[in-house]
C-alpha atoms as a PDB file:
ATOM      1  CA  MET A   1     111.574 157.278 124.896  1.00  0.00           C
ATOM      2  CA  LYS A   2     109.587 160.332 126.621  1.00  0.00           C
ATOM      3  CA  ARG A   3     112.749 161.677 128.103  1.00  0.00           C
ATOM      4  CA  ILE A   4     114.834 161.766 124.618  1.00  0.00           C
ATOM      5  CA  VAL A   5     111.598 164.058 123.380  1.00  0.00           C
ATOM      6  CA  LEU A   6     111.700 166.163 126.554  1.00  0.00           C
ATOM      7  CA  ALA A   7     115.531 166.597 126.454  1.00  0.00           C
ATOM      8  CA  MET A   8     114.810 167.744 122.998  1.00  0.00           C
ATOM      9  CA  ALA A   9     111.893 170.233 124.004  1.00  0.00           C
ATOM     10  CA  VAL A  10     114.453 171.577 126.651  1.00  0.00           C
ATOM     11  CA  PHE A  11     117.558 171.994 124.325  1.00  0.00           C
ATOM     12  CA  GLY A  12     115.612 173.033 120.979  1.00  0.00           C
ATOM     13  CA  GLY A  13     116.386 170.224 119.059  1.00  0.00           C
ATOM     14  CA  PRO A  14     119.872 168.208 118.123  1.00  0.00           C
ATOM     15  CA  ALA A  15     120.854 171.403 116.701  1.00  0.00           C
ATOM     16  CA  ALA A  16     120.666 173.676 119.879  1.00  0.00           C
ATOM     17  CA  ALA A  17     122.178 170.925 121.665  1.00  0.00           C
ATOM     18  CA  GLN A  18     125.245 170.750 119.342  1.00  0.00           C
ATOM     19  CA  GLY A  19     126.184 174.200 121.023  1.00  0.00           C
ATOM     20  CA  LEU A  20     126.672 172.481 124.603  1.00  0.00           C
ATOM     21  CA  ASP A  21     130.161 172.562 125.467  1.00  0.00           C
ATOM     22  CA  CYS A  22     130.731 169.425 127.324  1.00  0.00           C
ATOM     23  CA  MET A  23     133.983 169.465 127.827  1.00  0.00           C
ATOM     24  CA  ASN A  24     133.106 172.402 130.390  1.00  0.00           C
ATOM     25  CA  ALA A  25     129.173 171.693 131.219  1.00  0.00           C
ATOM     26  CA  ILE A  26     128.790 172.813 134.907  1.00  0.00           C
ATOM     27  CA  THR A  27     124.801 172.986 135.281  1.00  0.00           C
ATOM     28  CA  GLN A  28     122.701 169.996 135.711  1.00  0.00           C
ATOM     29  CA  VAL A  29     120.765 171.135 132.082  1.00  0.00           C
ATOM     30  CA  GLU A  30     124.183 171.396 130.160  1.00  0.00           C
ATOM     31  CA  MET A  31     125.287 167.790 131.781  1.00  0.00           C
ATOM     32  CA  THR A  32     121.856 166.198 131.185  1.00  0.00           C
ATOM     33  CA  GLY A  33     122.242 167.651 127.418  1.00  0.00           C
ATOM     34  CA  CYS A  34     125.553 166.095 126.964  1.00  0.00           C
ATOM     35  CA  ALA A  35     124.270 162.840 128.421  1.00  0.00           C
ATOM     36  CA  ALA A  36     121.524 163.160 125.385  1.00  0.00           C
ATOM     37  CA  LEU A  37     124.333 163.914 122.598  1.00  0.00           C
ATOM     38  CA  ALA A  38     126.514 160.945 123.892  1.00  0.00           C
ATOM     39  CA  TYR A  39     123.628 158.802 123.725  1.00  0.00           C
ATOM     40  CA  GLU A  40     122.825 160.251 120.169  1.00  0.00           C
ATOM     41  CA  ALA A  41     126.194 159.223 119.111  1.00  0.00           C
ATOM     42  CA  ALA A  42     126.132 155.758 120.893  1.00  0.00           C
ATOM     43  CA  ASP A  43     122.978 154.727 119.032  1.00  0.00           C
ATOM     44  CA  GLU A  44     124.195 156.058 115.761  1.00  0.00           C
ATOM     45  CA  ASP A  45     126.974 153.829 116.279  1.00  0.00           C
ATOM     46  CA  LEU A  46     124.632 151.128 117.169  1.00  0.00           C
ATOM     47  CA  ASN A  47     123.004 151.570 114.072  1.00  0.00           C
ATOM     48  CA  LEU A  48     125.708 150.909 111.740  1.00  0.00           C
ATOM     49  CA  ALA A  49     126.656 147.727 113.929  1.00  0.00           C
ATOM     50  CA  TRP A  50     123.420 146.313 113.337  1.00  0.00           C
ATOM     51  CA  LYS A  51     124.123 146.623 109.657  1.00  0.00           C
ATOM     52  CA  LEU A  52     127.096 145.082 109.771  1.00  0.00           C
ATOM     53  CA  ALA A  53     125.354 141.786 112.144  1.00  0.00           C
ATOM     54  CA  MET A  54     122.802 141.877 109.753  1.00  0.00           C
ATOM     55  CA  ASN A  55     124.884 141.520 106.835  1.00  0.00           C
ATOM     56  CA  ARG A  56     126.392 138.628 108.387  1.00  0.00           C
ATOM     57  CA  ALA A  57     123.828 137.009 109.551  1.00  0.00           C
ATOM     58  CA  ARG A  58     122.452 136.897 105.878  1.00  0.00           C
ATOM     59  CA  GLN A  59     125.637 135.487 104.831  1.00  0.00           C
ATOM     60  CA  LEU A  60     124.844 132.784 107.266  1.00  0.00           C
ATOM     61  CA  ASP A  61     121.136 132.621 106.142  1.00  0.00           C
ATOM     62  CA  GLY A  62     122.482 131.612 102.562  1.00  0.00           C
ATOM     63  CA  ALA A  63     123.608 127.769 103.823  1.00  0.00           C
ATOM     64  CA  LEU A  64     120.652 127.128 105.922  1.00  0.00           C
ATOM     65  CA  SER A  65     117.917 124.379 104.912  1.00  0.00           C
ATOM     66  CA  ALA A  66     114.312 125.593 103.934  1.00  0.00           C
ATOM     67  CA  ASP A  67     113.177 124.244 107.453  1.00  0.00           C
ATOM     68  CA  GLU A  68     115.749 125.840 109.687  1.00  0.00           C
ATOM     69  CA  VAL A  69     114.798 129.365 111.170  1.00  0.00           C
ATOM     70  CA  LYS A  70     117.034 131.924 109.559  1.00  0.00           C
ATOM     71  CA  THR A  71     120.021 133.524 111.710  1.00  0.00           C
ATOM     72  CA  SER A  72     118.651 136.935 110.576  1.00  0.00           C
ATOM     73  CA  THR A  73     115.231 136.407 112.113  1.00  0.00           C
ATOM     74  CA  ILE A  74     116.857 135.076 115.306  1.00  0.00           C
ATOM     75  CA  LEU A  75     119.194 138.255 115.487  1.00  0.00           C
ATOM     76  CA  ARG A  76     116.220 140.596 114.716  1.00  0.00           C
ATOM     77  CA  ASP A  77     113.861 139.148 117.243  1.00  0.00           C
ATOM     78  CA  ALA A  78     117.021 139.338 119.943  1.00  0.00           C
ATOM     79  CA  GLN A  79     117.661 143.343 118.909  1.00  0.00           C
ATOM     80  CA  ARG A  80     114.084 143.645 119.305  1.00  0.00           C
ATOM     81  CA  ALA A  81     114.010 142.107 122.630  1.00  0.00           C
ATOM     82  CA  TRP A  82     116.613 144.034 123.913  1.00  0.00           C
ATOM     83  CA  ILE A  83     115.610 147.507 122.804  1.00  0.00           C
ATOM     84  CA  PRO A  84     113.015 147.570 125.170  1.00  0.00           C
ATOM     85  CA  PHE A  85     114.763 145.737 127.924  1.00  0.00           C
ATOM     86  CA  ARG A  86     117.852 148.538 127.539  1.00  0.00           C
ATOM     87  CA  ASP A  87     115.161 151.371 127.812  1.00  0.00           C
ATOM     88  CA  ARG A  88     113.482 149.512 131.230  1.00  0.00           C
ATOM     89  CA  ALA A  89     117.003 148.690 132.963  1.00  0.00           C
ATOM     90  CA  CYS A  90     117.818 152.542 132.612  1.00  0.00           C
ATOM     91  CA  GLU A  91     114.490 153.678 133.816  1.00  0.00           C
ATOM     92  CA  ALA A  92     114.990 151.675 136.629  1.00  0.00           C
ATOM     93  CA  GLU A  93     118.695 152.944 137.356  1.00  0.00           C
ATOM     94  CA  SER A  94     117.224 156.521 137.026  1.00  0.00           C
ATOM     95  CA  LEU A  95     115.316 156.334 139.661  1.00  0.00           C
ATOM     96  CA  LEU A  96     118.237 156.045 141.811  1.00  0.00           C
ATOM     97  CA  ALA A  97     117.659 159.848 141.185  1.00  0.00           C
ATOM     98  CA  ARG A  98     113.747 159.638 141.168  1.00  0.00           C
ATOM     99  CA  GLY A  99     111.873 163.200 141.139  1.00  0.00           C
ATOM    100  CA  GLY A 100     115.562 164.775 140.964  1.00  0.00           C
ATOM    101  CA  THR A 101     117.555 166.669 138.392  1.00  0.00           C
ATOM    102  CA  LEU A 102     119.772 164.257 137.823  1.00  0.00           C
ATOM    103  CA  GLN A 103     117.420 161.366 137.016  1.00  0.00           C
ATOM    104  CA  ASN A 104     117.411 162.477 133.047  1.00  0.00           C
ATOM    105  CA  GLN A 105     121.318 162.463 133.516  1.00  0.00           C
ATOM    106  CA  LEU A 106     121.321 158.837 134.939  1.00  0.00           C
ATOM    107  CA  PHE A 107     118.743 157.541 132.409  1.00  0.00           C
ATOM    108  CA  TYR A 108     120.897 158.826 129.530  1.00  0.00           C
ATOM    109  CA  GLU A 109     124.228 157.879 130.707  1.00  0.00           C
ATOM    110  CA  CYS A 110     122.734 154.425 131.418  1.00  0.00           C
ATOM    111  CA  LEU A 111     121.495 154.405 127.495  1.00  0.00           C
ATOM    112  CA  THR A 112     124.988 155.341 126.374  1.00  0.00           C
ATOM    113  CA  ARG A 113     126.490 152.674 128.558  1.00  0.00           C
ATOM    114  CA  LEU A 114     124.315 149.683 127.421  1.00  0.00           C
ATOM    115  CA  THR A 115     124.113 151.258 124.220  1.00  0.00           C
ATOM    116  CA  ARG A 116     128.090 150.813 123.347  1.00  0.00           C
ATOM    117  CA  THR A 117     127.666 147.336 124.989  1.00  0.00           C
ATOM    118  CA  ARG A 118     125.406 146.053 122.553  1.00  0.00           C
ATOM    119  CA  THR A 119     127.407 147.659 119.739  1.00  0.00           C
ATOM    120  CA  GLU A 120     130.622 145.846 120.742  1.00  0.00           C
ATOM    121  CA  GLU A 121     128.277 142.609 120.745  1.00  0.00           C
ATOM    122  CA  LEU A 122     127.045 143.323 117.356  1.00  0.00           C
ATOM    123  CA  ARG A 123     130.324 144.221 115.957  1.00  0.00           C
ATOM    124  CA  TRP A 124     131.888 141.081 116.946  1.00  0.00           C
ATOM    125  CA  PHE A 125     129.085 139.072 115.273  1.00  0.00           C
ATOM    126  CA  GLY A 126     129.250 140.839 112.161  1.00  0.00           C
ATOM    127  CA  GLU A 127     132.828 140.669 112.000  1.00  0.00           C
ATOM    128  CA  VAL A 128     133.440 137.203 113.037  1.00  0.00           C
ATOM    129  CA  ASN A 129     134.826 135.106 109.720  1.00  0.00           C
END
């Protein structure tokens, strides 16, 4: 999370980062900024998939007896466990470039990749009929 705050400070916030030409990024600052923007978009998609999955979980909860653990509770707990896992896994992956200018870019690229995977998992859960 420190990296996200750092990126926003470096790029002047989301509005400044929006001016990046990510199709032609050349400098490390530009490439890192574009990686941060890609993660931001992936996170927005994750939030939409989360809503879909939670709606489905709540539907499933309607058929439970009073002594059964709610599907929505299990899904929420799983998501709460996944977020710190993702963050730590990406922090570890970024250490391939520890202390270098590439480290933050690797971190954001990992966040994006794992977030997109989780988004697909949540979409699958939310769309199962």
